[in-house]
PDB file of N, CA and C in Angstrom:
ATOM      1  N   MET A   1       6.494 145.641 112.942  1.00  0.00           N
ATOM      2  CA  MET A   1       6.260 144.748 114.026  1.00  0.00           C
ATOM      3  C   MET A   1       7.785 144.751 114.411  1.00  0.00           C
ATOM      4  N   LYS A   2       8.263 144.767 115.486  1.00  0.00           N
ATOM      5  CA  LYS A   2       9.560 144.791 115.730  1.00  0.00           C
ATOM      6  C   LYS A   2       9.953 143.084 116.598  1.00  0.00           C
ATOM      7  N   ASN A   3      10.635 142.555 115.953  1.00  0.00           N
ATOM      8  CA  ASN A   3      11.233 141.269 116.260  1.00  0.00           C
ATOM      9  C   ASN A   3      10.356 140.042 115.765  1.00  0.00           C
ATOM     10  N   ALA A   4       9.554 140.316 114.903  1.00  0.00           N
ATOM     11  CA  ALA A   4       8.542 139.414 114.321  1.00  0.00           C
ATOM     12  C   ALA A   4       9.588 138.503 113.138  1.00  0.00           C
ATOM     13  N   THR A   5       8.900 137.267 113.242  1.00  0.00           N
ATOM     14  CA  THR A   5       9.598 136.355 112.291  1.00  0.00           C
ATOM     15  C   THR A   5       8.288 136.300 111.092  1.00  0.00           C
ATOM     16  N   ILE A   6       8.836 136.388 110.055  1.00  0.00           N
ATOM     17  CA  ILE A   6       8.075 135.970 108.968  1.00  0.00           C
ATOM     18  C   ILE A   6       8.575 134.776 108.234  1.00  0.00           C
ATOM     19  N   LEU A   7       7.335 133.868 108.084  1.00  0.00           N
ATOM     20  CA  LEU A   7       7.801 132.651 107.542  1.00  0.00           C
ATOM     21  C   LEU A   7       7.256 132.645 105.735  1.00  0.00           C
ATOM     22  N   ALA A   8       7.908 132.043 105.248  1.00  0.00           N
ATOM     23  CA  ALA A   8       7.324 131.910 103.626  1.00  0.00           C
ATOM     24  C   ALA A   8       6.554 130.947 103.763  1.00  0.00           C
ATOM     25  N   LEU A   9       5.854 130.900 102.801  1.00  0.00           N
ATOM     26  CA  LEU A   9       4.571 129.874 102.640  1.00  0.00           C
ATOM     27  C   LEU A   9       5.348 128.821 101.716  1.00  0.00           C
ATOM     28  N   GLY A  10       5.136 127.671 101.923  1.00  0.00           N
ATOM     29  CA  GLY A  10       5.679 126.419 101.006  1.00  0.00           C
ATOM     30  C   GLY A  10       6.166 125.099 102.059  1.00  0.00           C
ATOM     31  N   ARG A  11       7.243 124.650 101.416  1.00  0.00           N
ATOM     32  CA  ARG A  11       7.556 123.392 101.894  1.00  0.00           C
ATOM     33  C   ARG A  11       8.377 123.464 103.645  1.00  0.00           C
ATOM     34  N   LEU A  12       7.740 122.565 104.392  1.00  0.00           N
ATOM     35  CA  LEU A  12       8.463 122.647 105.652  1.00  0.00           C
ATOM     36  C   LEU A  12       9.959 121.876 105.287  1.00  0.00           C
ATOM     37  N   LYS A  13      10.943 122.378 106.211  1.00  0.00           N
ATOM     38  CA  LYS A  13      12.225 121.354 106.592  1.00  0.00           C
ATOM     39  C   LYS A  13      12.167 120.051 106.185  1.00  0.00           C
ATOM     40  N   THR A  14      12.910 119.736 105.664  1.00  0.00           N
ATOM     41  CA  THR A  14      13.220 118.101 105.102  1.00  0.00           C
ATOM     42  C   THR A  14      12.921 117.493 106.491  1.00  0.00           C
ATOM     43  N   GLY A  15      11.913 116.395 106.932  1.00  0.00           N
ATOM     44  CA  GLY A  15      11.930 115.619 107.971  1.00  0.00           C
ATOM     45  C   GLY A  15      10.752 116.079 108.846  1.00  0.00           C
ATOM     46  N   GLU A  16      10.024 117.667 108.344  1.00  0.00           N
ATOM     47  CA  GLU A  16       9.375 117.939 108.977  1.00  0.00           C
ATOM     48  C   GLU A  16       7.612 117.659 108.402  1.00  0.00           C
ATOM     49  N   MET A  17       6.868 117.178 108.983  1.00  0.00           N
ATOM     50  CA  MET A  17       5.710 116.650 108.573  1.00  0.00           C
ATOM     51  C   MET A  17       4.582 118.112 108.589  1.00  0.00           C
ATOM     52  N   ASN A  18       3.636 118.169 107.414  1.00  0.00           N
ATOM     53  CA  ASN A  18       2.646 118.878 107.244  1.00  0.00           C
ATOM     54  C   ASN A  18       1.617 118.378 108.278  1.00  0.00           C
ATOM     55  N   LYS A  19       0.412 119.216 108.520  1.00  0.00           N
ATOM     56  CA  LYS A  19      -0.854 118.881 109.086  1.00  0.00           C
ATOM     57  C   LYS A  19      -1.568 117.362 108.527  1.00  0.00           C
ATOM     58  N   THR A  20      -1.419 116.992 107.197  1.00  0.00           N
ATOM     59  CA  THR A  20      -1.735 116.014 106.520  1.00  0.00           C
ATOM     60  C   THR A  20      -1.143 114.930 106.341  1.00  0.00           C
ATOM     61  N   GLU A  21       0.298 115.223 106.145  1.00  0.00           N
ATOM     62  CA  GLU A  21       1.082 114.517 106.562  1.00  0.00           C
ATOM     63  C   GLU A  21       1.216 113.659 107.884  1.00  0.00           C
ATOM     64  N   LYS A  22       0.981 114.486 108.728  1.00  0.00           N
ATOM     65  CA  LYS A  22       0.939 113.995 110.217  1.00  0.00           C
ATOM     66  C   LYS A  22      -0.395 113.016 110.222  1.00  0.00           C
ATOM     67  N   ALA A  23      -1.136 113.312 109.985  1.00  0.00           N
ATOM     68  CA  ALA A  23      -2.579 112.712 110.147  1.00  0.00           C
ATOM     69  C   ALA A  23      -2.622 111.540 109.491  1.00  0.00           C
ATOM     70  N   TYR A  24      -1.514 111.291 108.440  1.00  0.00           N
ATOM     71  CA  TYR A  24      -1.762 109.971 107.408  1.00  0.00           C
ATOM     72  C   TYR A  24      -0.480 108.728 108.120  1.00  0.00           C
ATOM     73  N   ALA A  25       0.565 109.673 109.159  1.00  0.00           N
ATOM     74  CA  ALA A  25       1.333 108.862 109.776  1.00  0.00           C
ATOM     75  C   ALA A  25       0.329 108.127 111.107  1.00  0.00           C
ATOM     76  N   ASP A  26      -0.232 109.158 111.573  1.00  0.00           N
ATOM     77  CA  ASP A  26      -1.120 108.386 112.546  1.00  0.00           C
ATOM     78  C   ASP A  26      -1.828 107.416 112.196  1.00  0.00           C
ATOM     79  N   PHE A  27      -2.728 107.406 110.874  1.00  0.00           N
ATOM     80  CA  PHE A  27      -3.397 106.581 109.921  1.00  0.00           C
ATOM     81  C   PHE A  27      -2.425 105.122 109.940  1.00  0.00           C
ATOM     82  N   LEU A  28      -1.136 105.333 109.484  1.00  0.00           N
ATOM     83  CA  LEU A  28      -0.564 103.921 109.446  1.00  0.00           C
ATOM     84  C   LEU A  28       0.137 103.702 110.645  1.00  0.00           C
ATOM     85  N   SER A  29       0.115 104.137 111.534  1.00  0.00           N
ATOM     86  CA  SER A  29       0.382 103.722 113.203  1.00  0.00           C
ATOM     87  C   SER A  29      -0.468 102.508 113.395  1.00  0.00           C
ATOM     88  N   LEU A  30      -1.843 103.159 113.044  1.00  0.00           N
ATOM     89  CA  LEU A  30      -2.956 102.278 113.243  1.00  0.00           C
ATOM     90  C   LEU A  30      -3.116 101.054 112.595  1.00  0.00           C
ATOM     91  N   ARG A  31      -2.668 101.122 111.129  1.00  0.00           N
ATOM     92  CA  ARG A  31      -2.343  99.933 110.250  1.00  0.00           C
ATOM     93  C   ARG A  31      -1.717  99.101 110.751  1.00  0.00           C
ATOM     94  N   GLN A  32      -0.324  99.584 111.323  1.00  0.00           N
ATOM     95  CA  GLN A  32       0.899  98.739 112.124  1.00  0.00           C
ATOM     96  C   GLN A  32       0.221  97.974 113.005  1.00  0.00           C
ATOM     97  N   ARG A  33      -0.666  98.683 114.185  1.00  0.00           N
ATOM     98  CA  ARG A  33      -1.213  98.183 115.408  1.00  0.00           C
ATOM     99  C   ARG A  33      -1.985  96.964 114.786  1.00  0.00           C
ATOM    100  N   ALA A  34      -2.806  97.192 113.870  1.00  0.00           N
ATOM    101  CA  ALA A  34      -3.705  96.157 113.225  1.00  0.00           C
ATOM    102  C   ALA A  34      -2.804  94.917 112.817  1.00  0.00           C
ATOM    103  N   GLY A  35      -1.783  95.338 112.461  1.00  0.00           N
ATOM    104  CA  GLY A  35      -0.943  93.860 111.728  1.00  0.00           C
ATOM    105  C   GLY A  35      -0.939  93.805 110.237  1.00  0.00           C
ATOM    106  N   GLU A  36      -1.680  95.259 109.717  1.00  0.00           N
ATOM    107  CA  GLU A  36      -1.405  95.221 108.373  1.00  0.00           C
ATOM    108  C   GLU A  36      -0.171  95.777 107.867  1.00  0.00           C
ATOM    109  N   VAL A  37       0.731  96.415 108.311  1.00  0.00           N
ATOM    110  CA  VAL A  37       2.070  97.251 108.117  1.00  0.00           C
ATOM    111  C   VAL A  37       2.836  96.830 108.910  1.00  0.00           C
ATOM    112  N   ALA A  38       4.180  96.468 108.563  1.00  0.00           N
ATOM    113  CA  ALA A  38       5.149  96.431 109.350  1.00  0.00           C
ATOM    114  C   ALA A  38       6.141  97.197 109.527  1.00  0.00           C
ATOM    115  N   TRP A  39       6.356  97.977 108.633  1.00  0.00           N
ATOM    116  CA  TRP A  39       7.264  99.334 108.922  1.00  0.00           C
ATOM    117  C   TRP A  39       6.888 100.293 108.237  1.00  0.00           C
ATOM    118  N   TYR A  40       7.139 101.556 108.437  1.00  0.00           N
ATOM    119  CA  TYR A  40       7.045 102.945 107.520  1.00  0.00           C
ATOM    120  C   TYR A  40       7.752 103.599 108.042  1.00  0.00           C
ATOM    121  N   LYS A  41       8.647 104.597 107.189  1.00  0.00           N
ATOM    122  CA  LYS A  41       9.162 105.790 107.329  1.00  0.00           C
ATOM    123  C   LYS A  41       9.187 107.203 106.700  1.00  0.00           C
ATOM    124  N   PHE A  42       8.860 108.380 107.168  1.00  0.00           N
ATOM    125  CA  PHE A  42       8.953 109.483 106.451  1.00  0.00           C
ATOM    126  C   PHE A  42       9.726 109.897 105.569  1.00  0.00           C
ATOM    127  N   GLU A  43       9.434 110.412 104.564  1.00  0.00           N
ATOM    128  CA  GLU A  43      10.798 110.779 103.408  1.00  0.00           C
ATOM    129  C   GLU A  43      12.051 109.641 103.933  1.00  0.00           C
ATOM    130  N   GLY A  44      11.883 108.272 103.939  1.00  0.00           N
ATOM    131  CA  GLY A  44      12.913 107.467 104.098  1.00  0.00           C
ATOM    132  C   GLY A  44      13.551 107.037 102.854  1.00  0.00           C
ATOM    133  N   VAL A  45      13.072 107.231 101.807  1.00  0.00           N
ATOM    134  CA  VAL A  45      13.779 106.723 100.414  1.00  0.00           C
ATOM    135  C   VAL A  45      13.554 108.263  99.371  1.00  0.00           C
ATOM    136  N   LYS A  46      14.814 108.140  99.135  1.00  0.00           N
ATOM    137  CA  LYS A  46      15.199 108.658  97.732  1.00  0.00           C
ATOM    138  C   LYS A  46      15.471 108.474  96.507  1.00  0.00           C
ATOM    139  N   LEU A  47      14.604 108.664  95.294  1.00  0.00           N
ATOM    140  CA  LEU A  47      14.813 107.555  94.125  1.00  0.00           C
ATOM    141  C   LEU A  47      15.547 108.456  92.979  1.00  0.00           C
ATOM    142  N   ARG A  48      16.329 108.160  92.185  1.00  0.00           N
ATOM    143  CA  ARG A  48      16.671 108.802  91.307  1.00  0.00           C
ATOM    144  C   ARG A  48      15.875 108.409  90.155  1.00  0.00           C
ATOM    145  N   LEU A  49      15.660 109.515  89.644  1.00  0.00           N
ATOM    146  CA  LEU A  49      14.654 109.496  88.054  1.00  0.00           C
ATOM    147  C   LEU A  49      15.597 109.831  86.707  1.00  0.00           C
ATOM    148  N   ALA A  50      16.783 110.848  86.979  1.00  0.00           N
ATOM    149  CA  ALA A  50      17.218 111.068  85.824  1.00  0.00           C
ATOM    150  C   ALA A  50      18.934 111.859  86.605  1.00  0.00           C
ATOM    151  N   ASP A  51      19.638 112.076  85.715  1.00  0.00           N
ATOM    152  CA  ASP A  51      20.584 113.023  86.445  1.00  0.00           C
ATOM    153  C   ASP A  51      20.114 114.362  86.940  1.00  0.00           C
ATOM    154  N   SER A  52      20.377 114.521  88.221  1.00  0.00           N
ATOM    155  CA  SER A  52      20.167 115.632  88.841  1.00  0.00           C
ATOM    156  C   SER A  52      18.582 115.821  88.962  1.00  0.00           C
ATOM    157  N   THR A  53      17.649 114.590  89.050  1.00  0.00           N
ATOM    158  CA  THR A  53      16.406 114.702  89.377  1.00  0.00           C
ATOM    159  C   THR A  53      16.138 113.671  89.993  1.00  0.00           C
ATOM    160  N   PHE A  54      15.485 113.812  91.205  1.00  0.00           N
ATOM    161  CA  PHE A  54      15.292 112.823  92.632  1.00  0.00           C
ATOM    162  C   PHE A  54      13.774 112.964  92.525  1.00  0.00           C
ATOM    163  N   TYR A  55      13.165 111.904  93.204  1.00  0.00           N
ATOM    164  CA  TYR A  55      11.604 111.822  94.163  1.00  0.00           C
ATOM    165  C   TYR A  55      11.473 111.107  95.405  1.00  0.00           C
ATOM    166  N   SER A  56      11.336 111.750  96.066  1.00  0.00           N
ATOM    167  CA  SER A  56      11.557 111.459  97.582  1.00  0.00           C
ATOM    168  C   SER A  56       9.906 111.097  97.939  1.00  0.00           C
ATOM    169  N   PRO A  57       9.065 109.990  97.959  1.00  0.00           N
ATOM    170  CA  PRO A  57       7.948 109.855  98.535  1.00  0.00           C
ATOM    171  C   PRO A  57       7.664 110.416  99.914  1.00  0.00           C
ATOM    172  N   ASP A  58       6.783 110.937  99.971  1.00  0.00           N
ATOM    173  CA  ASP A  58       6.379 110.975 101.905  1.00  0.00           C
ATOM    174  C   ASP A  58       6.389 110.114 102.527  1.00  0.00           C
ATOM    175  N   PHE A  59       6.094 108.689 102.196  1.00  0.00           N
ATOM    176  CA  PHE A  59       6.245 107.777 103.488  1.00  0.00           C
ATOM    177  C   PHE A  59       6.639 106.175 102.666  1.00  0.00           C
ATOM    178  N   ALA A  60       7.540 105.599 102.813  1.00  0.00           N
ATOM    179  CA  ALA A  60       8.146 104.326 102.613  1.00  0.00           C
ATOM    180  C   ALA A  60       7.455 103.167 103.238  1.00  0.00           C
ATOM    181  N   VAL A  61       6.577 102.493 102.770  1.00  0.00           N
ATOM    182  CA  VAL A  61       5.692 101.544 103.884  1.00  0.00           C
ATOM    183  C   VAL A  61       5.993 100.052 103.418  1.00  0.00           C
ATOM    184  N   MET A  62       6.330  99.038 104.423  1.00  0.00           N
ATOM    185  CA  MET A  62       6.549  97.677 104.308  1.00  0.00           C
ATOM    186  C   MET A  62       5.117  97.215 104.563  1.00  0.00           C
ATOM    187  N   LEU A  63       4.577  96.438 103.991  1.00  0.00           N
ATOM    188  CA  LEU A  63       3.418  95.569 104.507  1.00  0.00           C
ATOM    189  C   LEU A  63       3.852  94.174 105.060  1.00  0.00           C
ATOM    190  N   ASN A  64       3.132  93.781 106.085  1.00  0.00           N
ATOM    191  CA  ASN A  64       3.170  92.525 106.720  1.00  0.00           C
ATOM    192  C   ASN A  64       3.740  91.225 105.820  1.00  0.00           C
ATOM    193  N   ASP A  65       3.217  91.410 104.369  1.00  0.00           N
ATOM    194  CA  ASP A  65       3.975  90.231 103.416  1.00  0.00           C
ATOM    195  C   ASP A  65       5.096  90.656 102.686  1.00  0.00           C
ATOM    196  N   GLY A  66       5.582  91.735 102.861  1.00  0.00           N
ATOM    197  CA  GLY A  66       7.147  92.140 102.530  1.00  0.00           C
ATOM    198  C   GLY A  66       6.951  93.278 101.310  1.00  0.00           C
ATOM    199  N   THR A  67       5.986  93.163 100.829  1.00  0.00           N
ATOM    200  CA  THR A  67       5.661  94.248  99.729  1.00  0.00           C
ATOM    201  C   THR A  67       5.701  95.656 100.091  1.00  0.00           C
ATOM    202  N   MET A  68       6.443  96.192  99.113  1.00  0.00           N
ATOM    203  CA  MET A  68       7.067  97.377  99.141  1.00  0.00           C
ATOM    204  C   MET A  68       6.155  98.568  98.436  1.00  0.00           C
ATOM    205  N   GLU A  69       5.560  99.766  99.026  1.00  0.00           N
ATOM    206  CA  GLU A  69       4.783 100.622  98.956  1.00  0.00           C
ATOM    207  C   GLU A  69       5.510 102.019  99.009  1.00  0.00           C
ATOM    208  N   MET A  70       5.173 102.961  98.078  1.00  0.00           N
ATOM    209  CA  MET A  70       5.598 104.184  98.630  1.00  0.00           C
ATOM    210  C   MET A  70       4.312 105.130  98.096  1.00  0.00           C
ATOM    211  N   HIS A  71       4.119 106.094  99.175  1.00  0.00           N
ATOM    212  CA  HIS A  71       2.928 106.980  99.595  1.00  0.00           C
ATOM    213  C   HIS A  71       3.036 108.016  99.538  1.00  0.00           C
ATOM    214  N   GLU A  72       2.194 108.888  98.877  1.00  0.00           N
ATOM    215  CA  GLU A  72       2.427 110.495  98.661  1.00  0.00           C
ATOM    216  C   GLU A  72       1.093 110.512  99.195  1.00  0.00           C
ATOM    217  N   VAL A  73       1.234 111.726  99.961  1.00  0.00           N
ATOM    218  CA  VAL A  73       0.085 112.493 100.358  1.00  0.00           C
ATOM    219  C   VAL A  73       0.117 114.312  99.878  1.00  0.00           C
ATOM    220  N   LYS A  74      -1.316 113.988  99.353  1.00  0.00           N
ATOM    221  CA  LYS A  74      -1.338 115.554  98.883  1.00  0.00           C
ATOM    222  C   LYS A  74      -2.740 116.143  99.235  1.00  0.00           C
ATOM    223  N   GLY A  75      -2.716 117.258  99.386  1.00  0.00           N
ATOM    224  CA  GLY A  75      -3.971 117.960  99.274  1.00  0.00           C
ATOM    225  C   GLY A  75      -4.182 118.689  98.120  1.00  0.00           C
ATOM    226  N   PHE A  76      -3.489 118.848  96.886  1.00  0.00           N
ATOM    227  CA  PHE A  76      -3.729 119.328  95.582  1.00  0.00           C
ATOM    228  C   PHE A  76      -2.555 118.517  94.939  1.00  0.00           C
ATOM    229  N   TRP A  77      -2.467 118.290  93.408  1.00  0.00           N
ATOM    230  CA  TRP A  77      -1.358 117.667  92.784  1.00  0.00           C
ATOM    231  C   TRP A  77      -0.793 119.264  91.924  1.00  0.00           C
ATOM    232  N   GLN A  78       0.409 119.184  91.931  1.00  0.00           N
ATOM    233  CA  GLN A  78       1.049 120.113  90.826  1.00  0.00           C
ATOM    234  C   GLN A  78       1.531 119.401  89.813  1.00  0.00           C
ATOM    235  N   ASP A  79       1.580 120.152  88.686  1.00  0.00           N
ATOM    236  CA  ASP A  79       1.970 118.656  87.422  1.00  0.00           C
ATOM    237  C   ASP A  79       3.341 118.168  87.861  1.00  0.00           C
ATOM    238  N   ASP A  80       4.597 118.801  88.267  1.00  0.00           N
ATOM    239  CA  ASP A  80       5.408 118.291  88.246  1.00  0.00           C
ATOM    240  C   ASP A  80       5.488 117.086  89.351  1.00  0.00           C
ATOM    241  N   ALA A  81       4.814 117.200  90.357  1.00  0.00           N
ATOM    242  CA  ALA A  81       4.942 115.943  91.231  1.00  0.00           C
ATOM    243  C   ALA A  81       3.832 114.988  90.785  1.00  0.00           C
ATOM    244  N   ARG A  82       2.902 115.074  89.865  1.00  0.00           N
ATOM    245  CA  ARG A  82       2.289 113.811  89.219  1.00  0.00           C
ATOM    246  C   ARG A  82       3.431 113.313  88.104  1.00  0.00           C
ATOM    247  N   VAL A  83       4.206 114.033  87.325  1.00  0.00           N
ATOM    248  CA  VAL A  83       5.044 113.399  86.443  1.00  0.00           C
ATOM    249  C   VAL A  83       6.231 112.514  87.218  1.00  0.00           C
ATOM    250  N   LYS A  84       6.664 112.883  88.452  1.00  0.00           N
ATOM    251  CA  LYS A  84       7.439 112.251  88.975  1.00  0.00           C
ATOM    252  C   LYS A  84       6.995 111.251  89.477  1.00  0.00           C
ATOM    253  N   ILE A  85       6.293 111.179  90.055  1.00  0.00           N
ATOM    254  CA  ILE A  85       5.520 109.807  90.753  1.00  0.00           C
ATOM    255  C   ILE A  85       5.233 108.758  89.442  1.00  0.00           C
ATOM    256  N   LYS A  86       4.711 109.165  88.362  1.00  0.00           N
ATOM    257  CA  LYS A  86       4.472 108.462  87.254  1.00  0.00           C
ATOM    258  C   LYS A  86       6.020 107.846  86.776  1.00  0.00           C
ATOM    259  N   VAL A  87       6.817 108.630  86.561  1.00  0.00           N
ATOM    260  CA  VAL A  87       8.348 108.236  85.875  1.00  0.00           C
ATOM    261  C   VAL A  87       8.791 107.093  87.064  1.00  0.00           C
ATOM    262  N   ALA A  88       8.608 107.545  88.410  1.00  0.00           N
ATOM    263  CA  ALA A  88       9.082 106.625  89.640  1.00  0.00           C
ATOM    264  C   ALA A  88       8.540 105.166  89.113  1.00  0.00           C
ATOM    265  N   SER A  89       7.284 105.224  89.125  1.00  0.00           N
ATOM    266  CA  SER A  89       6.406 104.001  88.780  1.00  0.00           C
ATOM    267  C   SER A  89       7.077 103.120  87.910  1.00  0.00           C
ATOM    268  N   GLU A  90       7.282 103.954  86.786  1.00  0.00           N
ATOM    269  CA  GLU A  90       7.926 103.017  85.693  1.00  0.00           C
ATOM    270  C   GLU A  90       9.034 102.580  85.915  1.00  0.00           C
ATOM    271  N   LEU A  91       9.902 103.060  86.401  1.00  0.00           N
ATOM    272  CA  LEU A  91      11.521 102.783  86.904  1.00  0.00           C
ATOM    273  C   LEU A  91      11.557 101.844  88.143  1.00  0.00           C
ATOM    274  N   TYR A  92      11.005 101.923  89.325  1.00  0.00           N
ATOM    275  CA  TYR A  92      11.075 100.717  90.253  1.00  0.00           C
ATOM    276  C   TYR A  92       9.719  99.974  90.450  1.00  0.00           C
ATOM    277  N   PRO A  93      10.097  99.031  91.318  1.00  0.00           N
ATOM    278  CA  PRO A  93       9.094  97.758  91.401  1.00  0.00           C
ATOM    279  C   PRO A  93       8.467  98.067  92.521  1.00  0.00           C
ATOM    280  N   PHE A  94       8.121  99.254  92.766  1.00  0.00           N
ATOM    281  CA  PHE A  94       7.315  99.356  94.154  1.00  0.00           C
ATOM    282  C   PHE A  94       5.708  99.763  93.693  1.00  0.00           C
ATOM    283  N   ARG A  95       5.038  99.672  94.598  1.00  0.00           N
ATOM    284  CA  ARG A  95       3.487 100.210  94.073  1.00  0.00           C
ATOM    285  C   ARG A  95       3.560 101.524  94.684  1.00  0.00           C
ATOM    286  N   PHE A  96       3.051 102.258  93.853  1.00  0.00           N
ATOM    287  CA  PHE A  96       3.184 103.819  94.178  1.00  0.00           C
ATOM    288  C   PHE A  96       1.495 104.153  94.585  1.00  0.00           C
ATOM    289  N   ILE A  97       1.182 104.824  95.415  1.00  0.00           N
ATOM    290  CA  ILE A  97      -0.356 105.360  95.959  1.00  0.00           C
ATOM    291  C   ILE A  97      -0.146 106.595  96.467  1.00  0.00           C
ATOM    292  N   ALA A  98      -1.093 107.493  95.523  1.00  0.00           N
ATOM    293  CA  ALA A  98      -1.204 108.845  96.259  1.00  0.00           C
ATOM    294  C   ALA A  98      -2.365 108.825  97.051  1.00  0.00           C
ATOM    295  N   LEU A  99      -2.367 109.558  98.099  1.00  0.00           N
ATOM    296  CA  LEU A  99      -3.366 109.561  99.316  1.00  0.00           C
ATOM    297  C   LEU A  99      -4.018 110.901  99.235  1.00  0.00           C
ATOM    298  N   LYS A 100      -5.338 111.222  99.489  1.00  0.00           N
ATOM    299  CA  LYS A 100      -5.842 112.753  99.601  1.00  0.00           C
ATOM    300  C   LYS A 100      -6.898 112.589 100.954  1.00  0.00           C
ATOM    301  N   ALA A 101      -6.835 113.349 102.006  1.00  0.00           N
ATOM    302  CA  ALA A 101      -7.703 113.033 102.858  1.00  0.00           C
ATOM    303  C   ALA A 101      -8.979 113.571 102.234  1.00  0.00           C
ATOM    304  N   ARG A 102      -9.962 113.232 102.874  1.00  0.00           N
ATOM    305  CA  ARG A 102     -11.588 112.930 102.345  1.00  0.00           C
ATOM    306  C   ARG A 102     -11.933 113.861 103.529  1.00  0.00           C
ATOM    307  N   ALA A 103     -13.042 114.520 103.259  1.00  0.00           N
ATOM    308  CA  ALA A 103     -13.682 115.827 104.220  1.00  0.00           C
ATOM    309  C   ALA A 103     -14.715 114.688 105.064  1.00  0.00           C
ATOM    310  N   LYS A 104     -14.509 114.956 106.052  1.00  0.00           N
ATOM    311  CA  LYS A 104     -15.506 114.096 107.336  1.00  0.00           C
ATOM    312  C   LYS A 104     -17.021 114.181 106.677  1.00  0.00           C
ATOM    313  N   LYS A 105     -17.752 115.138 105.956  1.00  0.00           N
ATOM    314  CA  LYS A 105     -18.551 115.315 105.591  1.00  0.00           C
ATOM    315  C   LYS A 105     -18.866 113.953 104.238  1.00  0.00           C
ATOM    316  N   ASP A 106     -17.567 113.742 103.872  1.00  0.00           N
ATOM    317  CA  ASP A 106     -17.529 112.603 102.393  1.00  0.00           C
ATOM    318  C   ASP A 106     -17.164 111.696 103.372  1.00  0.00           C
ATOM    319  N   GLY A 107     -17.518 111.270 104.685  1.00  0.00           N
ATOM    320  CA  GLY A 107     -17.183 109.874 105.349  1.00  0.00           C
ATOM    321  C   GLY A 107     -15.628 110.085 105.717  1.00  0.00           C
ATOM    322  N   GLY A 108     -14.814 111.021 105.255  1.00  0.00           N
ATOM    323  CA  GLY A 108     -13.709 110.630 106.169  1.00  0.00           C
ATOM    324  C   GLY A 108     -12.861 110.062 105.635  1.00  0.00           C
ATOM    325  N   GLY A 109     -11.393 109.385 105.881  1.00  0.00           N
ATOM    326  CA  GLY A 109     -10.547 108.434 105.625  1.00  0.00           C
ATOM    327  C   GLY A 109      -9.848 108.997 104.064  1.00  0.00           C
ATOM    328  N   TRP A 110      -9.184 108.184 103.885  1.00  0.00           N
ATOM    329  CA  TRP A 110      -8.132 108.561 102.664  1.00  0.00           C
ATOM    330  C   TRP A 110      -8.800 108.105 101.353  1.00  0.00           C
ATOM    331  N   ALA A 111      -8.481 108.889 100.123  1.00  0.00           N
ATOM    332  CA  ALA A 111      -8.919 108.844  98.699  1.00  0.00           C
ATOM    333  C   ALA A 111      -7.557 108.033  98.150  1.00  0.00           C
ATOM    334  N   GLU A 112      -7.657 106.925  97.220  1.00  0.00           N
ATOM    335  CA  GLU A 112      -6.283 106.448  96.856  1.00  0.00           C
ATOM    336  C   GLU A 112      -6.455 106.243  95.269  1.00  0.00           C
ATOM    337  N   GLU A 113      -5.183 106.903  94.792  1.00  0.00           N
ATOM    338  CA  GLU A 113      -4.894 106.806  93.480  1.00  0.00           C
ATOM    339  C   GLU A 113      -3.761 105.997  93.039  1.00  0.00           C
ATOM    340  N   ALA A 114      -3.713 104.708  92.558  1.00  0.00           N
ATOM    341  CA  ALA A 114      -2.731 103.791  92.215  1.00  0.00           C
ATOM    342  C   ALA A 114      -2.117 104.420  90.776  1.00  0.00           C
ATOM    343  N   PHE A 115      -0.588 104.124  90.868  1.00  0.00           N
ATOM    344  CA  PHE A 115       0.133 104.581  89.783  1.00  0.00           C
ATOM    345  C   PHE A 115       0.951 103.324  89.394  1.00  0.00           C
TER     346      PHE A 115
END
């Protein structure tokens, strides 16, 4: 194929949302309009876990009562991601929540796992 660009599978560029993250951002926007969420930012926080080891939650979320939460949106978990969120939850005073989209046949919405 002449002039064809082949894209590698994997992470998008920093600051770009995948389809699931975009759907969750839309959900957070609805929660904001409903008065539940005061503020949220995609990839807005970078947490140091150890020397040269960082964790950037998908969404930093501030609820209307001032509570800060870190939301991680996953299609599936890889071991390193699960370890990082567990370590972060021990080091930082935020509520950490992992979310997975539920299939429409299962009622839709988001399944939550708190850390």
